[in-house]
PDB file of N, CA and C in Angstrom:
ATOM      1  N   UNK A   1      26.430 105.394  65.543  1.00  0.00           N
ATOM      2  CA  UNK A   1      25.459 104.317  65.574  1.00  0.00           C
ATOM      3  C   UNK A   1      26.215 102.995  65.632  1.00  0.00           C
ATOM      4  N   UNK A   2      25.787 102.153  66.507  1.00  0.00           N
ATOM      5  CA  UNK A   2      26.397 100.833  66.625  1.00  0.00           C
ATOM      6  C   UNK A   2      25.760  99.926  65.574  1.00  0.00           C
ATOM      7  N   UNK A   3      26.572  99.306  64.769  1.00  0.00           N
ATOM      8  CA  UNK A   3      26.073  98.468  63.688  1.00  0.00           C
ATOM      9  C   UNK A   3      26.130  97.006  64.107  1.00  0.00           C
ATOM     10  N   UNK A   4      25.008  96.308  64.117  1.00  0.00           N
ATOM     11  CA  UNK A   4      24.992  94.905  64.535  1.00  0.00           C
ATOM     12  C   UNK A   4      25.469  93.984  63.418  1.00  0.00           C
ATOM     13  N   UNK A   5      26.738  94.035  63.138  1.00  0.00           N
ATOM     14  CA  UNK A   5      27.297  93.288  62.013  1.00  0.00           C
ATOM     15  C   UNK A   5      27.131  91.792  62.156  1.00  0.00           C
ATOM     16  N   UNK A   6      27.194  91.324  63.380  1.00  0.00           N
ATOM     17  CA  UNK A   6      27.044  89.884  63.561  1.00  0.00           C
ATOM     18  C   UNK A   6      25.666  89.429  63.115  1.00  0.00           C
ATOM     19  N   UNK A   7      24.665  90.308  63.203  1.00  0.00           N
ATOM     20  CA  UNK A   7      23.329  89.954  62.722  1.00  0.00           C
ATOM     21  C   UNK A   7      23.322  89.838  61.199  1.00  0.00           C
ATOM     22  N   UNK A   8      24.044  90.729  60.548  1.00  0.00           N
ATOM     23  CA  UNK A   8      24.130  90.664  59.092  1.00  0.00           C
ATOM     24  C   UNK A   8      24.822  89.371  58.682  1.00  0.00           C
ATOM     25  N   UNK A   9      25.914  89.044  59.369  1.00  0.00           N
ATOM     26  CA  UNK A   9      26.646  87.822  59.039  1.00  0.00           C
ATOM     27  C   UNK A   9      25.779  86.584  59.256  1.00  0.00           C
ATOM     28  N   UNK A  10      25.052  86.557  60.369  1.00  0.00           N
ATOM     29  CA  UNK A  10      24.196  85.407  60.664  1.00  0.00           C
ATOM     30  C   UNK A  10      23.077  85.291  59.630  1.00  0.00           C
ATOM     31  N   UNK A  11      22.445  86.415  59.322  1.00  0.00           N
ATOM     32  CA  UNK A  11      21.373  86.393  58.326  1.00  0.00           C
ATOM     33  C   UNK A  11      21.922  85.997  56.966  1.00  0.00           C
ATOM     34  N   UNK A  12      23.117  86.462  56.658  1.00  0.00           N
ATOM     35  CA  UNK A  12      23.761  86.120  55.398  1.00  0.00           C
ATOM     36  C   UNK A  12      23.920  84.618  55.262  1.00  0.00           C
ATOM     37  N   UNK A  13      24.367  83.978  56.320  1.00  0.00           N
ATOM     38  CA  UNK A  13      24.563  82.528  56.262  1.00  0.00           C
ATOM     39  C   UNK A  13      23.247  81.782  56.091  1.00  0.00           C
ATOM     40  N   UNK A  14      22.193  82.291  56.715  1.00  0.00           N
ATOM     41  CA  UNK A  14      20.889  81.647  56.592  1.00  0.00           C
ATOM     42  C   UNK A  14      20.362  81.681  55.158  1.00  0.00           C
ATOM     43  N   UNK A  15      20.611  82.789  54.481  1.00  0.00           N
ATOM     44  CA  UNK A  15      20.049  82.975  53.153  1.00  0.00           C
ATOM     45  C   UNK A  15      21.070  82.773  52.040  1.00  0.00           C
ATOM     46  N   UNK A  16      22.238  82.251  52.365  1.00  0.00           N
ATOM     47  CA  UNK A  16      23.304  82.132  51.376  1.00  0.00           C
ATOM     48  C   UNK A  16      22.945  81.311  50.134  1.00  0.00           C
ATOM     49  N   UNK A  17      22.096  80.299  50.232  1.00  0.00           N
ATOM     50  CA  UNK A  17      21.777  79.579  48.988  1.00  0.00           C
ATOM     51  C   UNK A  17      21.050  80.445  47.962  1.00  0.00           C
ATOM     52  N   UNK A  18      20.448  81.539  48.423  1.00  0.00           N
ATOM     53  CA  UNK A  18      19.669  82.385  47.531  1.00  0.00           C
ATOM     54  C   UNK A  18      20.383  83.684  47.189  1.00  0.00           C
ATOM     55  N   UNK A  19      21.633  83.810  47.564  1.00  0.00           N
ATOM     56  CA  UNK A  19      22.324  85.082  47.529  1.00  0.00           C
ATOM     57  C   UNK A  19      22.891  85.461  46.180  1.00  0.00           C
ATOM     58  N   UNK A  20      23.411  84.534  45.455  1.00  0.00           N
ATOM     59  CA  UNK A  20      24.116  84.940  44.245  1.00  0.00           C
ATOM     60  C   UNK A  20      23.534  84.315  42.994  1.00  0.00           C
ATOM     61  N   UNK A  21      23.740  85.040  41.957  1.00  0.00           N
ATOM     62  CA  UNK A  21      23.475  84.544  40.618  1.00  0.00           C
ATOM     63  C   UNK A  21      24.863  84.319  40.039  1.00  0.00           C
ATOM     64  N   UNK A  22      25.187  83.137  39.554  1.00  0.00           N
ATOM     65  CA  UNK A  22      26.564  82.807  39.207  1.00  0.00           C
ATOM     66  C   UNK A  22      27.299  83.856  38.374  1.00  0.00           C
ATOM     67  N   UNK A  23      26.634  84.507  37.452  1.00  0.00           N
ATOM     68  CA  UNK A  23      27.348  85.436  36.592  1.00  0.00           C
ATOM     69  C   UNK A  23      27.204  86.900  37.019  1.00  0.00           C
ATOM     70  N   UNK A  24      26.358  87.188  38.010  1.00  0.00           N
ATOM     71  CA  UNK A  24      26.089  88.583  38.344  1.00  0.00           C
ATOM     72  C   UNK A  24      26.376  88.945  39.794  1.00  0.00           C
ATOM     73  N   UNK A  25      26.771  88.027  40.634  1.00  0.00           N
ATOM     74  CA  UNK A  25      27.022  88.353  42.027  1.00  0.00           C
ATOM     75  C   UNK A  25      25.728  88.499  42.807  1.00  0.00           C
ATOM     76  N   UNK A  26      25.785  89.285  43.853  1.00  0.00           N
ATOM     77  CA  UNK A  26      24.657  89.459  44.775  1.00  0.00           C
ATOM     78  C   UNK A  26      23.538  90.248  44.097  1.00  0.00           C
ATOM     79  N   UNK A  27      22.318  89.753  44.230  1.00  0.00           N
ATOM     80  CA  UNK A  27      21.180  90.476  43.671  1.00  0.00           C
ATOM     81  C   UNK A  27      20.534  91.339  44.754  1.00  0.00           C
ATOM     82  N   UNK A  28      19.887  92.411  44.335  1.00  0.00           N
ATOM     83  CA  UNK A  28      19.323  93.406  45.251  1.00  0.00           C
ATOM     84  C   UNK A  28      18.335  92.798  46.241  1.00  0.00           C
ATOM     85  N   UNK A  29      17.483  91.906  45.786  1.00  0.00           N
ATOM     86  CA  UNK A  29      16.494  91.295  46.676  1.00  0.00           C
ATOM     87  C   UNK A  29      17.163  90.528  47.811  1.00  0.00           C
ATOM     88  N   UNK A  30      18.303  89.957  47.532  1.00  0.00           N
ATOM     89  CA  UNK A  30      19.013  89.193  48.557  1.00  0.00           C
ATOM     90  C   UNK A  30      19.571  90.121  49.621  1.00  0.00           C
ATOM     91  N   UNK A  31      20.111  91.266  49.218  1.00  0.00           N
ATOM     92  CA  UNK A  31      20.578  92.237  50.209  1.00  0.00           C
ATOM     93  C   UNK A  31      19.426  92.671  51.101  1.00  0.00           C
ATOM     94  N   UNK A  32      18.268  92.891  50.516  1.00  0.00           N
ATOM     95  CA  UNK A  32      17.092  93.281  51.296  1.00  0.00           C
ATOM     96  C   UNK A  32      16.707  92.175  52.270  1.00  0.00           C
ATOM     97  N   UNK A  33      16.781  90.920  51.828  1.00  0.00           N
ATOM     98  CA  UNK A  33      16.439  89.792  52.692  1.00  0.00           C
ATOM     99  C   UNK A  33      17.432  89.671  53.839  1.00  0.00           C
ATOM    100  N   UNK A  34      18.705  89.777  53.530  1.00  0.00           N
ATOM    101  CA  UNK A  34      19.735  89.698  54.574  1.00  0.00           C
ATOM    102  C   UNK A  34      19.563  90.846  55.563  1.00  0.00           C
ATOM    103  N   UNK A  35      19.436  92.051  55.038  1.00  0.00           N
ATOM    104  CA  UNK A  35      19.378  93.228  55.889  1.00  0.00           C
ATOM    105  C   UNK A  35      18.065  93.366  56.652  1.00  0.00           C
ATOM    106  N   UNK A  36      17.034  92.657  56.225  1.00  0.00           N
ATOM    107  CA  UNK A  36      15.760  92.719  56.963  1.00  0.00           C
ATOM    108  C   UNK A  36      15.897  92.091  58.342  1.00  0.00           C
ATOM    109  N   UNK A  37      16.961  91.341  58.548  1.00  0.00           N
ATOM    110  CA  UNK A  37      17.202  90.704  59.850  1.00  0.00           C
ATOM    111  C   UNK A  37      17.923  91.638  60.823  1.00  0.00           C
ATOM    112  N   UNK A  38      18.258  92.850  60.393  1.00  0.00           N
ATOM    113  CA  UNK A  38      18.965  93.810  61.235  1.00  0.00           C
ATOM    114  C   UNK A  38      17.988  94.831  61.808  1.00  0.00           C
ATOM    115  N   UNK A  39      18.492  95.686  62.670  1.00  0.00           N
ATOM    116  CA  UNK A  39      17.655  96.719  63.276  1.00  0.00           C
ATOM    117  C   UNK A  39      17.327  97.855  62.321  1.00  0.00           C
ATOM    118  N   UNK A  40      18.150  98.047  61.287  1.00  0.00           N
ATOM    119  CA  UNK A  40      17.942  99.144  60.349  1.00  0.00           C
ATOM    120  C   UNK A  40      18.271  98.652  58.937  1.00  0.00           C
ATOM    121  N   UNK A  41      17.253  98.194  58.250  1.00  0.00           N
ATOM    122  CA  UNK A  41      17.433  97.585  56.935  1.00  0.00           C
ATOM    123  C   UNK A  41      18.042  98.557  55.929  1.00  0.00           C
ATOM    124  N   UNK A  42      17.580  99.778  55.895  1.00  0.00           N
ATOM    125  CA  UNK A  42      18.083 100.740  54.921  1.00  0.00           C
ATOM    126  C   UNK A  42      19.561 101.045  55.163  1.00  0.00           C
ATOM    127  N   UNK A  43      19.934 101.191  56.416  1.00  0.00           N
ATOM    128  CA  UNK A  43      21.333 101.457  56.756  1.00  0.00           C
ATOM    129  C   UNK A  43      22.209 100.275  56.325  1.00  0.00           C
ATOM    130  N   UNK A  44      21.733  99.070  56.611  1.00  0.00           N
ATOM    131  CA  UNK A  44      22.468  97.851  56.261  1.00  0.00           C
ATOM    132  C   UNK A  44      22.688  97.757  54.754  1.00  0.00           C
ATOM    133  N   UNK A  45      21.645  97.951  53.983  1.00  0.00           N
ATOM    134  CA  UNK A  45      21.765  97.884  52.525  1.00  0.00           C
ATOM    135  C   UNK A  45      22.725  98.958  52.020  1.00  0.00           C
ATOM    136  N   UNK A  46      22.556 100.161  52.514  1.00  0.00           N
ATOM    137  CA  UNK A  46      23.433 101.251  52.100  1.00  0.00           C
ATOM    138  C   UNK A  46      24.881 100.988  52.452  1.00  0.00           C
ATOM    139  N   UNK A  47      25.099 100.423  53.630  1.00  0.00           N
ATOM    140  CA  UNK A  47      26.456 100.121  54.064  1.00  0.00           C
ATOM    141  C   UNK A  47      27.092  99.061  53.173  1.00  0.00           C
ATOM    142  N   UNK A  48      26.357  97.980  52.902  1.00  0.00           N
ATOM    143  CA  UNK A  48      26.897  96.937  52.029  1.00  0.00           C
ATOM    144  C   UNK A  48      27.141  97.462  50.618  1.00  0.00           C
ATOM    145  N   UNK A  49      26.237  98.289  50.126  1.00  0.00           N
ATOM    146  CA  UNK A  49      26.394  98.829  48.772  1.00  0.00           C
ATOM    147  C   UNK A  49      27.482  99.898  48.690  1.00  0.00           C
ATOM    148  N   UNK A  50      27.894 100.423  49.832  1.00  0.00           N
ATOM    149  CA  UNK A  50      28.963 101.427  49.824  1.00  0.00           C
ATOM    150  C   UNK A  50      30.295 100.819  49.397  1.00  0.00           C
ATOM    151  N   UNK A  51      30.400  99.514  49.500  1.00  0.00           N
ATOM    152  CA  UNK A  51      31.594  98.829  49.016  1.00  0.00           C
ATOM    153  C   UNK A  51      31.328  98.408  47.571  1.00  0.00           C
ATOM    154  N   UNK A  52      32.127  98.912  46.662  1.00  0.00           N
ATOM    155  CA  UNK A  52      31.903  98.658  45.235  1.00  0.00           C
ATOM    156  C   UNK A  52      31.989  97.182  44.869  1.00  0.00           C
ATOM    157  N   UNK A  53      32.628  96.380  45.694  1.00  0.00           N
ATOM    158  CA  UNK A  53      32.753  94.955  45.404  1.00  0.00           C
ATOM    159  C   UNK A  53      31.445  94.195  45.584  1.00  0.00           C
ATOM    160  N   UNK A  54      30.497  94.773  46.335  1.00  0.00           N
ATOM    161  CA  UNK A  54      29.245  94.074  46.637  1.00  0.00           C
ATOM    162  C   UNK A  54      28.469  93.699  45.385  1.00  0.00           C
ATOM    163  N   UNK A  55      28.433  94.581  44.405  1.00  0.00           N
ATOM    164  CA  UNK A  55      27.608  94.323  43.212  1.00  0.00           C
ATOM    165  C   UNK A  55      28.062  93.109  42.419  1.00  0.00           C
ATOM    166  N   UNK A  56      29.318  92.731  42.535  1.00  0.00           N
ATOM    167  CA  UNK A  56      29.801  91.561  41.804  1.00  0.00           C
ATOM    168  C   UNK A  56      30.285  90.452  42.735  1.00  0.00           C
ATOM    169  N   UNK A  57      29.965  90.579  44.026  1.00  0.00           N
ATOM    170  CA  UNK A  57      30.471  89.626  45.022  1.00  0.00           C
ATOM    171  C   UNK A  57      29.762  88.283  44.957  1.00  0.00           C
ATOM    172  N   UNK A  58      30.533  87.234  45.211  1.00  0.00           N
ATOM    173  CA  UNK A  58      29.937  85.930  45.452  1.00  0.00           C
ATOM    174  C   UNK A  58      29.778  85.793  46.976  1.00  0.00           C
ATOM    175  N   UNK A  59      29.312  84.649  47.418  1.00  0.00           N
ATOM    176  CA  UNK A  59      29.031  84.464  48.842  1.00  0.00           C
ATOM    177  C   UNK A  59      30.269  84.677  49.717  1.00  0.00           C
ATOM    178  N   UNK A  60      31.399  84.044  49.415  1.00  0.00           N
ATOM    179  CA  UNK A  60      32.576  84.261  50.272  1.00  0.00           C
ATOM    180  C   UNK A  60      33.029  85.722  50.311  1.00  0.00           C
ATOM    181  N   UNK A  61      32.986  86.403  49.187  1.00  0.00           N
ATOM    182  CA  UNK A  61      33.411  87.802  49.172  1.00  0.00           C
ATOM    183  C   UNK A  61      32.432  88.678  49.944  1.00  0.00           C
ATOM    184  N   UNK A  62      31.143  88.441  49.808  1.00  0.00           N
ATOM    185  CA  UNK A  62      30.165  89.228  50.562  1.00  0.00           C
ATOM    186  C   UNK A  62      30.379  89.043  52.060  1.00  0.00           C
ATOM    187  N   UNK A  63      30.724  87.843  52.460  1.00  0.00           N
ATOM    188  CA  UNK A  63      31.026  87.588  53.864  1.00  0.00           C
ATOM    189  C   UNK A  63      32.231  88.411  54.315  1.00  0.00           C
ATOM    190  N   UNK A  64      33.285  88.440  53.502  1.00  0.00           N
ATOM    191  CA  UNK A  64      34.468  89.243  53.835  1.00  0.00           C
ATOM    192  C   UNK A  64      34.144  90.736  53.884  1.00  0.00           C
ATOM    193  N   UNK A  65      33.347  91.191  52.946  1.00  0.00           N
ATOM    194  CA  UNK A  65      32.945  92.601  52.930  1.00  0.00           C
ATOM    195  C   UNK A  65      32.202  92.938  54.213  1.00  0.00           C
ATOM    196  N   UNK A  66      31.269  92.081  54.612  1.00  0.00           N
ATOM    197  CA  UNK A  66      30.505  92.303  55.837  1.00  0.00           C
ATOM    198  C   UNK A  66      31.418  92.376  57.052  1.00  0.00           C
ATOM    199  N   UNK A  67      32.369  91.467  57.120  1.00  0.00           N
ATOM    200  CA  UNK A  67      33.311  91.475  58.240  1.00  0.00           C
ATOM    201  C   UNK A  67      34.176  92.727  58.229  1.00  0.00           C
ATOM    202  N   UNK A  68      34.653  93.133  57.066  1.00  0.00           N
ATOM    203  CA  UNK A  68      35.483  94.332  56.979  1.00  0.00           C
ATOM    204  C   UNK A  68      34.707  95.578  57.420  1.00  0.00           C
ATOM    205  N   UNK A  69      33.456  95.664  57.008  1.00  0.00           N
ATOM    206  CA  UNK A  69      32.637  96.797  57.421  1.00  0.00           C
ATOM    207  C   UNK A  69      32.374  96.772  58.924  1.00  0.00           C
ATOM    208  N   UNK A  70      32.160  95.585  59.465  1.00  0.00           N
ATOM    209  CA  UNK A  70      31.932  95.461  60.906  1.00  0.00           C
ATOM    210  C   UNK A  70      33.191  95.825  61.699  1.00  0.00           C
ATOM    211  N   UNK A  71      34.348  95.410  61.203  1.00  0.00           N
ATOM    212  CA  UNK A  71      35.613  95.758  61.864  1.00  0.00           C
ATOM    213  C   UNK A  71      35.793  97.276  61.859  1.00  0.00           C
ATOM    214  N   UNK A  72      35.523  97.893  60.738  1.00  0.00           N
ATOM    215  CA  UNK A  72      35.653  99.351  60.638  1.00  0.00           C
ATOM    216  C   UNK A  72      34.730 100.049  61.637  1.00  0.00           C
ATOM    217  N   UNK A  73      33.478  99.598  61.737  1.00  0.00           N
ATOM    218  CA  UNK A  73      32.524 100.219  62.660  1.00  0.00           C
ATOM    219  C   UNK A  73      32.932  99.990  64.106  1.00  0.00           C
ATOM    220  N   UNK A  74      33.391  98.781  64.422  1.00  0.00           N
ATOM    221  CA  UNK A  74      33.841  98.493  65.787  1.00  0.00           C
ATOM    222  C   UNK A  74      35.033  99.372  66.150  1.00  0.00           C
ATOM    223  N   UNK A  75      35.930  99.595  65.194  1.00  0.00           N
ATOM    224  CA  UNK A  75      37.086 100.454  65.451  1.00  0.00           C
ATOM    225  C   UNK A  75      36.652 101.897  65.689  1.00  0.00           C
ATOM    226  N   UNK A  76      35.714 102.386  64.896  1.00  0.00           N
ATOM    227  CA  UNK A  76      35.210 103.747  65.109  1.00  0.00           C
ATOM    228  C   UNK A  76      34.571 103.885  66.492  1.00  0.00           C
ATOM    229  N   UNK A  77      33.777 102.891  66.880  1.00  0.00           N
ATOM    230  CA  UNK A  77      33.146 102.933  68.196  1.00  0.00           C
ATOM    231  C   UNK A  77      34.196 102.876  69.306  1.00  0.00           C
ATOM    232  N   UNK A  78      35.195 102.009  69.130  1.00  0.00           N
ATOM    233  CA  UNK A  78      36.281 101.901  70.104  1.00  0.00           C
ATOM    234  C   UNK A  78      36.981 103.253  70.276  1.00  0.00           C
ATOM    235  N   UNK A  79      37.356 103.863  69.153  1.00  0.00           N
ATOM    236  CA  UNK A  79      38.056 105.151  69.210  1.00  0.00           C
ATOM    237  C   UNK A  79      37.202 106.219  69.901  1.00  0.00           C
ATOM    238  N   UNK A  80      35.905 106.217  69.631  1.00  0.00           N
ATOM    239  CA  UNK A  80      35.016 107.201  70.260  1.00  0.00           C
ATOM    240  C   UNK A  80      34.977 107.004  71.775  1.00  0.00           C
ATOM    241  N   UNK A  81      34.826 105.765  72.226  1.00  0.00           N
ATOM    242  CA  UNK A  81      34.746 105.531  73.669  1.00  0.00           C
ATOM    243  C   UNK A  81      36.074 105.794  74.374  1.00  0.00           C
ATOM    244  N   UNK A  82      37.180 105.544  73.707  1.00  0.00           N
ATOM    245  CA  UNK A  82      38.489 105.893  74.281  1.00  0.00           C
ATOM    246  C   UNK A  82      38.560 107.402  74.474  1.00  0.00           C
ATOM    247  N   UNK A  83      38.110 108.152  73.477  1.00  0.00           N
ATOM    248  CA  UNK A  83      38.128 109.619  73.571  1.00  0.00           C
ATOM    249  C   UNK A  83      37.171 110.110  74.658  1.00  0.00           C
ATOM    250  N   UNK A  84      35.971 109.511  74.734  1.00  0.00           N
ATOM    251  CA  UNK A  84      35.020 109.897  75.783  1.00  0.00           C
ATOM    252  C   UNK A  84      35.619 109.655  77.161  1.00  0.00           C
ATOM    253  N   UNK A  85      36.269 108.520  77.341  1.00  0.00           N
ATOM    254  CA  UNK A  85      36.898 108.199  78.626  1.00  0.00           C
ATOM    255  C   UNK A  85      37.977 109.224  78.943  1.00  0.00           C
ATOM    256  N   UNK A  86      38.783 109.539  77.946  1.00  0.00           N
ATOM    257  CA  UNK A  86      39.876 110.495  78.139  1.00  0.00           C
ATOM    258  C   UNK A  86      39.345 111.870  78.548  1.00  0.00           C
ATOM    259  N   UNK A  87      38.217 112.274  77.975  1.00  0.00           N
ATOM    260  CA  UNK A  87      37.656 113.603  78.229  1.00  0.00           C
ATOM    261  C   UNK A  87      36.736 113.660  79.445  1.00  0.00           C
ATOM    262  N   UNK A  88      36.391 112.528  80.009  1.00  0.00           N
ATOM    263  CA  UNK A  88      35.443 112.493  81.117  1.00  0.00           C
ATOM    264  C   UNK A  88      36.104 112.930  82.420  1.00  0.00           C
ATOM    265  N   UNK A  89      35.363 113.709  83.190  1.00  0.00           N
ATOM    266  CA  UNK A  89      35.865 114.139  84.493  1.00  0.00           C
ATOM    267  C   UNK A  89      35.169 113.426  85.646  1.00  0.00           C
ATOM    268  N   UNK A  90      34.156 112.634  85.344  1.00  0.00           N
ATOM    269  CA  UNK A  90      33.430 111.897  86.381  1.00  0.00           C
ATOM    270  C   UNK A  90      33.896 110.446  86.370  1.00  0.00           C
ATOM    271  N   UNK A  91      34.312 109.948  87.535  1.00  0.00           N
ATOM    272  CA  UNK A  91      34.871 108.600  87.618  1.00  0.00           C
ATOM    273  C   UNK A  91      33.895 107.539  87.114  1.00  0.00           C
ATOM    274  N   UNK A  92      32.657 107.574  87.554  1.00  0.00           N
ATOM    275  CA  UNK A  92      31.677 106.569  87.125  1.00  0.00           C
ATOM    276  C   UNK A  92      31.473 106.566  85.631  1.00  0.00           C
ATOM    277  N   UNK A  93      31.398 107.751  85.066  1.00  0.00           N
ATOM    278  CA  UNK A  93      31.218 107.876  83.626  1.00  0.00           C
ATOM    279  C   UNK A  93      32.479 107.415  82.891  1.00  0.00           C
ATOM    280  N   UNK A  94      33.616 107.794  83.406  1.00  0.00           N
ATOM    281  CA  UNK A  94      34.887 107.372  82.815  1.00  0.00           C
ATOM    282  C   UNK A  94      35.008 105.853  82.825  1.00  0.00           C
ATOM    283  N   UNK A  95      34.613 105.236  83.930  1.00  0.00           N
ATOM    284  CA  UNK A  95      34.648 103.769  84.025  1.00  0.00           C
ATOM    285  C   UNK A  95      33.717 103.127  82.996  1.00  0.00           C
ATOM    286  N   UNK A  96      32.535 103.694  82.830  1.00  0.00           N
ATOM    287  CA  UNK A  96      31.586 103.157  81.847  1.00  0.00           C
ATOM    288  C   UNK A  96      32.128 103.282  80.431  1.00  0.00           C
ATOM    289  N   UNK A  97      32.717 104.421  80.124  1.00  0.00           N
ATOM    290  CA  UNK A  97      33.322 104.594  78.807  1.00  0.00           C
ATOM    291  C   UNK A  97      34.469 103.606  78.607  1.00  0.00           C
ATOM    292  N   UNK A  98      35.250 103.378  79.653  1.00  0.00           N
ATOM    293  CA  UNK A  98      36.337 102.409  79.574  1.00  0.00           C
ATOM    294  C   UNK A  98      35.825 101.002  79.326  1.00  0.00           C
ATOM    295  N   UNK A  99      34.724 100.643  79.992  1.00  0.00           N
ATOM    296  CA  UNK A  99      34.122  99.322  79.767  1.00  0.00           C
ATOM    297  C   UNK A  99      33.637  99.178  78.329  1.00  0.00           C
ATOM    298  N   UNK A 100      33.059 100.244  77.796  1.00  0.00           N
ATOM    299  CA  UNK A 100      32.588 100.208  76.407  1.00  0.00           C
ATOM    300  C   UNK A 100      33.757 100.091  75.442  1.00  0.00           C
ATOM    301  N   UNK A 101      34.840 100.811  75.729  1.00  0.00           N
ATOM    302  CA  UNK A 101      36.032 100.715  74.879  1.00  0.00           C
ATOM    303  C   UNK A 101      36.574  99.289  74.897  1.00  0.00           C
ATOM    304  N   UNK A 102      36.609  98.680  76.071  1.00  0.00           N
ATOM    305  CA  UNK A 102      37.082  97.297  76.183  1.00  0.00           C
ATOM    306  C   UNK A 102      36.188  96.356  75.384  1.00  0.00           C
ATOM    307  N   UNK A 103      34.876  96.550  75.474  1.00  0.00           N
ATOM    308  CA  UNK A 103      33.929  95.731  74.717  1.00  0.00           C
ATOM    309  C   UNK A 103      34.222  95.817  73.221  1.00  0.00           C
ATOM    310  N   UNK A 104      34.413  97.038  72.699  1.00  0.00           N
ATOM    311  CA  UNK A 104      34.651  97.192  71.270  1.00  0.00           C
ATOM    312  C   UNK A 104      36.031  96.691  70.858  1.00  0.00           C
ATOM    313  N   UNK A 105      37.011  96.769  71.743  1.00  0.00           N
ATOM    314  CA  UNK A 105      38.317  96.184  71.426  1.00  0.00           C
ATOM    315  C   UNK A 105      38.184  94.667  71.299  1.00  0.00           C
ATOM    316  N   UNK A 106      37.440  94.063  72.226  1.00  0.00           N
ATOM    317  CA  UNK A 106      37.203  92.616  72.155  1.00  0.00           C
ATOM    318  C   UNK A 106      36.452  92.255  70.872  1.00  0.00           C
ATOM    319  N   UNK A 107      35.469  93.075  70.516  1.00  0.00           N
ATOM    320  CA  UNK A 107      34.695  92.838  69.297  1.00  0.00           C
ATOM    321  C   UNK A 107      35.610  92.923  68.075  1.00  0.00           C
ATOM    322  N   UNK A 108      36.477  93.926  68.038  1.00  0.00           N
ATOM    323  CA  UNK A 108      37.415  94.048  66.918  1.00  0.00           C
ATOM    324  C   UNK A 108      38.295  92.812  66.816  1.00  0.00           C
ATOM    325  N   UNK A 109      38.810  92.350  67.941  1.00  0.00           N
ATOM    326  CA  UNK A 109      39.680  91.169  67.943  1.00  0.00           C
ATOM    327  C   UNK A 109      38.949  89.947  67.390  1.00  0.00           C
ATOM    328  N   UNK A 110      37.713  89.752  67.814  1.00  0.00           N
ATOM    329  CA  UNK A 110      36.935  88.600  67.349  1.00  0.00           C
ATOM    330  C   UNK A 110      36.602  88.711  65.862  1.00  0.00           C
ATOM    331  N   UNK A 111      36.222  89.890  65.438  1.00  0.00           N
ATOM    332  CA  UNK A 111      35.904  90.083  64.025  1.00  0.00           C
ATOM    333  C   UNK A 111      37.139  89.898  63.148  1.00  0.00           C
ATOM    334  N   UNK A 112      38.286  90.379  63.609  1.00  0.00           N
ATOM    335  CA  UNK A 112      39.514  90.206  62.837  1.00  0.00           C
ATOM    336  C   UNK A 112      39.908  88.729  62.755  1.00  0.00           C
ATOM    337  N   UNK A 113      39.696  87.990  63.839  1.00  0.00           N
ATOM    338  CA  UNK A 113      39.966  86.547  63.812  1.00  0.00           C
ATOM    339  C   UNK A 113      39.024  85.853  62.818  1.00  0.00           C
ATOM    340  N   UNK A 114      37.750  86.241  62.836  1.00  0.00           N
ATOM    341  CA  UNK A 114      36.790  85.683  61.876  1.00  0.00           C
ATOM    342  C   UNK A 114      37.195  86.018  60.449  1.00  0.00           C
ATOM    343  N   UNK A 115      37.653  87.222  60.239  1.00  0.00           N
ATOM    344  CA  UNK A 115      38.087  87.644  58.911  1.00  0.00           C
ATOM    345  C   UNK A 115      39.249  86.797  58.417  1.00  0.00           C
ATOM    346  N   UNK A 116      40.218  86.546  59.289  1.00  0.00           N
ATOM    347  CA  UNK A 116      41.362  85.720  58.908  1.00  0.00           C
ATOM    348  C   UNK A 116      40.923  84.300  58.554  1.00  0.00           C
ATOM    349  N   UNK A 117      39.968  83.778  59.316  1.00  0.00           N
ATOM    350  CA  UNK A 117      39.476  82.412  59.029  1.00  0.00           C
ATOM    351  C   UNK A 117      38.672  82.359  57.731  1.00  0.00           C
ATOM    352  N   UNK A 118      38.101  83.479  57.344  1.00  0.00           N
ATOM    353  CA  UNK A 118      37.244  83.506  56.153  1.00  0.00           C
ATOM    354  C   UNK A 118      38.017  83.720  54.865  1.00  0.00           C
ATOM    355  N   UNK A 119      39.278  84.060  54.963  1.00  0.00           N
ATOM    356  CA  UNK A 119      40.081  84.307  53.745  1.00  0.00           C
ATOM    357  C   UNK A 119      40.363  83.019  53.020  1.00  0.00           C
TER     358      UNK A 119
END
């Protein structure tokens, strides 16, 4: 499944004033609000909560967590399309898989640059 991480990041920035409680980190309602802007709210919430740092994260850390999860997903998608291209015997299909791999490599590069700027 392709995860629209940039949507989570954008929604996060929109709702950032309401995201944290100074002593408790991100509250559950805020994750629901952020993730409601994605294509799959339950998946988004589950993905963010899969990182143990989310429960005590402040705004900058939640942003880093989101980027790290997006980088991981982009890398998984990239690896899958590289493998599909390698295994494909049809030129048109192989070309399409190659284009998708290139797209995800570009996405990884951009997300990693964003991550470095967010540190």
